[in-house]
């Protein structure tokens, strides 16, 4: 499968992102990224800020159990745009986020940093269920699908992941699976993510981590 980039800044819910990233990809296909929005004008303050960013990523790599995993400190005014640019440069097809800090345990709620990519992004976005880090499964055993009518992108992506990770597709519009793969809304531009209202409603009622895939761009294709 394609590479996976985990957005990581050291928060508790980013620990969930580490757990989900580990389930989605083999160690050699993982990378960590921390987004800095600007450089400090004072050289000493800049050194401190850069060191802090690097230390956060190093800690994340240790928690991941792979201290050698690639670690990127990236500058960008928008976290989503910076991550999308990095993913394009690295040939990655999934960016993983932890849920918003207010999210109920077991549910997935995209943080603000992921919202832009869920509206106009060109890369698959995964959001880890809150609390996944506490007792993560050994593998993705079951995958459910939430898909707009007539669009097989989510189903094909789920089947590709199941084949690669050794799981099974539990069915359409299911809940309670280890991962819920969601298709973009009808009419979304090809290769772009657009999470429709019906999908959001289904996800609000579901438990489990979520993966939203771009329209007409299934994983593994």
Protein backbone atom coordinates (compact mmCIF):
# COMPACT_ATOMS: atom_id res chain seq x y z
CA UNK A 1 0.00 0.00 0.00
CA UNK A 2 1.01 3.63 -0.40
CA UNK A 3 2.80 5.56 2.29
CA UNK A 4 1.01 7.00 5.31
CA UNK A 5 1.86 10.29 6.98
CA UNK A 6 0.80 10.79 10.59
CA UNK A 7 0.16 14.35 11.73
CA UNK A 8 1.75 14.52 15.18
CA UNK A 9 2.31 17.30 17.69
CA UNK A 10 2.42 15.38 20.95
CA UNK A 11 -1.18 15.69 22.15
CA UNK A 12 -2.95 12.71 23.71
CA UNK A 13 -5.26 12.23 20.73
CA UNK A 14 -2.27 12.22 18.42
CA UNK A 15 -1.35 9.04 20.26
CA UNK A 16 -4.51 7.62 18.70
CA UNK A 17 -3.22 8.74 15.28
CA UNK A 18 -0.02 6.76 15.91
CA UNK A 19 -2.08 3.67 16.74
CA UNK A 20 -4.18 4.00 13.58
CA UNK A 21 -1.18 4.72 11.36
CA UNK A 22 0.47 1.55 12.65
CA UNK A 23 -2.64 -0.42 11.65
CA UNK A 24 -2.86 1.13 8.18
CA UNK A 25 0.71 0.63 6.99
CA UNK A 26 3.85 -1.39 7.41
CA UNK A 27 6.66 0.35 9.33
CA UNK A 28 8.60 1.18 6.17
CA UNK A 29 5.60 3.04 4.75
CA UNK A 30 5.09 5.40 7.71
CA UNK A 31 6.29 8.95 8.35
CA UNK A 32 5.58 11.57 11.01
CA UNK A 33 4.98 15.26 10.36
CA UNK A 34 4.81 18.33 12.58
CA UNK A 35 3.62 21.62 11.10
CA UNK A 36 5.17 24.92 12.13
CA UNK A 37 3.29 27.97 10.93
CA UNK A 38 6.17 30.46 10.92
CA UNK A 39 9.82 30.92 11.81
CA UNK A 40 10.91 32.96 14.81
CA UNK A 41 12.71 36.18 13.94
CA UNK A 42 15.13 35.81 16.82
CA UNK A 43 17.73 33.09 15.99
CA UNK A 44 17.84 31.77 19.54
CA UNK A 45 14.06 31.47 19.76
CA UNK A 46 14.05 29.82 16.34
CA UNK A 47 16.57 27.22 17.51
CA UNK A 48 14.42 26.48 20.56
CA UNK A 49 11.23 26.18 18.49
CA UNK A 50 12.86 23.89 15.94
CA UNK A 51 14.39 21.74 18.66
CA UNK A 52 10.98 21.44 20.35
CA UNK A 53 9.36 20.32 17.09
CA UNK A 54 12.08 17.75 16.46
CA UNK A 55 11.82 16.42 20.02
CA UNK A 56 8.06 16.01 19.70
CA UNK A 57 8.51 13.96 16.55
CA UNK A 58 11.27 11.88 18.14
CA UNK A 59 8.96 11.11 21.05
CA UNK A 60 6.20 10.15 18.63
CA UNK A 61 8.58 7.82 16.79
CA UNK A 62 9.48 6.17 20.09
CA UNK A 63 5.81 5.69 20.96
CA UNK A 64 5.30 4.25 17.50
CA UNK A 65 8.04 1.75 18.28
CA UNK A 66 10.04 2.90 15.25
CA UNK A 67 12.60 5.56 16.24
CA UNK A 68 14.04 5.41 12.70
CA UNK A 69 10.76 6.39 11.00
CA UNK A 70 11.10 9.51 8.79
CA UNK A 71 10.23 12.70 10.68
CA UNK A 72 9.34 15.94 8.91
CA UNK A 73 9.12 19.43 10.37
CA UNK A 74 7.19 21.41 7.76
CA UNK A 75 6.38 25.13 7.55
CA UNK A 76 3.01 26.32 6.32
CA UNK A 77 0.31 28.81 7.18
CA UNK A 78 -2.32 26.07 6.86
CA UNK A 79 -1.72 22.71 8.52
CA UNK A 80 -3.87 20.90 5.96
CA UNK A 81 -2.24 22.53 2.95
CA UNK A 82 1.25 21.86 4.33
CA UNK A 83 0.45 18.21 4.95
CA UNK A 84 -1.06 17.82 1.49
CA UNK A 85 2.06 19.31 -0.07
CA UNK A 86 4.27 16.99 1.96
CA UNK A 87 2.15 13.97 1.01
CA UNK A 88 2.48 14.87 -2.66
CA UNK A 89 6.25 15.23 -2.36
CA UNK A 90 6.58 11.93 -0.49
CA UNK A 91 4.18 9.96 -2.69
CA UNK A 92 1.84 9.29 0.23
CA UNK A 93 -1.87 8.69 -0.24
CA UNK A 94 -3.16 8.87 3.37
CA UNK A 95 -2.74 11.49 6.09
CA UNK A 96 -3.74 10.36 9.59
CA UNK A 97 -5.07 12.67 12.32
CA UNK A 98 -6.14 12.19 15.90
CA UNK A 99 -9.68 13.25 16.75
CA UNK A 100 -10.61 16.64 18.14
CA UNK A 101 -9.75 16.78 21.85
CA UNK A 102 -13.44 17.02 22.88
CA UNK A 103 -14.43 13.81 21.07
CA UNK A 104 -16.28 11.10 22.95
CA UNK A 105 -14.30 7.90 23.47
CA UNK A 106 -14.76 5.46 20.59
CA UNK A 107 -15.91 8.09 18.13
CA UNK A 108 -13.94 9.92 15.43
CA UNK A 109 -14.25 13.69 15.00
CA UNK A 110 -11.88 15.50 12.63
CA UNK A 111 -9.80 18.24 14.27
CA UNK A 112 -9.76 21.74 12.81
CA UNK A 113 -6.46 20.98 11.07
CA UNK A 114 -8.18 18.28 9.00
CA UNK A 115 -11.27 20.24 7.99
CA UNK A 116 -9.74 21.89 4.92
CA UNK A 117 -8.64 18.53 3.52
CA UNK A 118 -12.12 17.11 4.08
CA UNK A 119 -13.60 19.89 1.95
CA UNK A 120 -11.16 20.39 -0.93
CA UNK A 121 -8.29 17.97 -0.34
CA UNK A 122 -6.81 15.59 -2.89
CA UNK A 123 -5.66 12.89 -0.48
CA UNK A 124 -7.36 10.28 1.69
CA UNK A 125 -7.86 11.44 5.28
CA UNK A 126 -7.94 9.06 8.25
CA UNK A 127 -9.18 10.12 11.68
CA UNK A 128 -8.46 7.85 14.62
CA UNK A 129 -11.19 7.07 17.11
CA UNK A 130 -10.66 8.84 20.41
CA UNK A 131 -9.01 6.49 22.91
CA UNK A 132 -7.72 4.05 20.29
CA UNK A 133 -4.25 4.33 21.84
CA UNK A 134 -5.44 2.75 25.12
CA UNK A 135 -6.17 -0.70 23.72
CA UNK A 136 -5.55 -0.79 19.96
CA UNK A 137 -6.44 -3.96 18.04
CA UNK A 138 -3.60 -6.05 16.67
CA UNK A 139 -4.90 -5.52 13.15
CA UNK A 140 -7.80 -4.11 11.14
CA UNK A 141 -10.10 -7.10 11.29
CA UNK A 142 -13.30 -5.56 9.96
CA UNK A 143 -13.95 -2.64 7.62
CA UNK A 144 -17.35 -1.03 7.08
CA UNK A 145 -18.26 1.17 4.13
CA UNK A 146 -20.32 4.35 3.87
CA UNK A 147 -20.69 5.10 0.19
CA UNK A 148 -22.74 7.50 -1.98
CA UNK A 149 -25.02 5.84 -4.49
CA UNK A 150 -23.24 4.67 -7.60
CA UNK A 151 -19.71 5.39 -6.34
CA UNK A 152 -17.59 2.30 -5.68
CA UNK A 153 -14.49 4.21 -4.59
CA UNK A 154 -15.02 3.58 -0.88
CA UNK A 155 -15.84 -0.10 -1.41
CA UNK A 156 -12.82 -0.66 -3.67
CA UNK A 157 -10.61 1.12 -1.15
CA UNK A 158 -11.97 -1.04 1.67
CA UNK A 159 -11.36 -4.19 -0.35
CA UNK A 160 -7.79 -3.10 -1.12
CA UNK A 161 -7.09 -2.41 2.55
CA UNK A 162 -8.69 -5.69 3.61
CA UNK A 163 -6.52 -7.59 1.16
CA UNK A 164 -3.37 -5.80 2.26
CA UNK A 165 -3.98 -5.82 6.02
CA UNK A 166 -5.64 -9.23 6.29
CA UNK A 167 -9.09 -8.00 7.30
CA UNK A 168 -12.53 -8.33 5.78
CA UNK A 169 -15.16 -5.92 4.52
CA UNK A 170 -18.06 -6.23 6.94
CA UNK A 171 -20.63 -4.79 4.57
CA UNK A 172 -22.10 -1.55 3.36
CA UNK A 173 -23.11 1.21 5.76
CA UNK A 174 -22.06 -0.87 8.75
CA UNK A 175 -20.96 0.42 12.15
CA UNK A 176 -18.81 -0.89 14.94
CA UNK A 177 -15.99 -1.99 12.66
CA UNK A 178 -12.30 -1.34 13.28
CA UNK A 179 -12.36 1.10 10.35
CA UNK A 180 -15.13 2.87 8.44
CA UNK A 181 -14.21 3.83 4.87
CA UNK A 182 -16.24 6.76 3.57
CA UNK A 183 -16.71 7.88 -0.02
CA UNK A 184 -16.92 11.50 -1.12
CA UNK A 185 -20.32 12.97 -1.92
CA UNK A 186 -21.86 12.67 -5.39
CA UNK A 187 -20.70 15.38 -7.74
CA UNK A 188 -17.34 15.87 -6.05
CA UNK A 189 -14.56 16.64 -8.55
CA UNK A 190 -12.55 13.58 -9.52
CA UNK A 191 -9.62 13.04 -7.17
CA UNK A 192 -11.02 15.39 -4.54
CA UNK A 193 -12.46 14.77 -1.08
CA UNK A 194 -15.89 16.18 -0.28
CA UNK A 195 -17.60 14.79 2.81
CA UNK A 196 -21.36 15.11 2.32
CA UNK A 197 -24.05 15.67 4.91
CA UNK A 198 -25.40 12.13 4.75
CA UNK A 199 -21.94 10.69 5.39
CA UNK A 200 -21.36 13.07 8.31
CA UNK A 201 -24.67 12.03 9.84
CA UNK A 202 -23.76 8.35 9.53
CA UNK A 203 -20.37 8.93 11.08
CA UNK A 204 -21.81 10.88 14.00
CA UNK A 205 -23.77 7.77 14.94
CA UNK A 206 -20.88 5.36 14.40
CA UNK A 207 -18.05 4.11 16.55
CA UNK A 208 -14.60 3.45 15.12
CA UNK A 209 -11.84 5.13 13.16
CA UNK A 210 -12.68 6.69 9.81
CA UNK A 211 -10.98 6.91 6.42
CA UNK A 212 -12.39 9.33 3.82
CA UNK A 213 -11.25 8.72 0.25
CA UNK A 214 -11.22 11.12 -2.74
CA UNK A 215 -13.87 10.74 -5.42
CA UNK A 216 -12.92 8.22 -8.10
CA UNK A 217 -9.49 7.60 -6.58
CA UNK A 218 -9.59 4.30 -4.66
CA UNK A 219 -6.63 3.21 -2.59
CA UNK A 220 -4.47 0.60 -4.20
CA UNK A 221 -5.56 1.51 -7.73
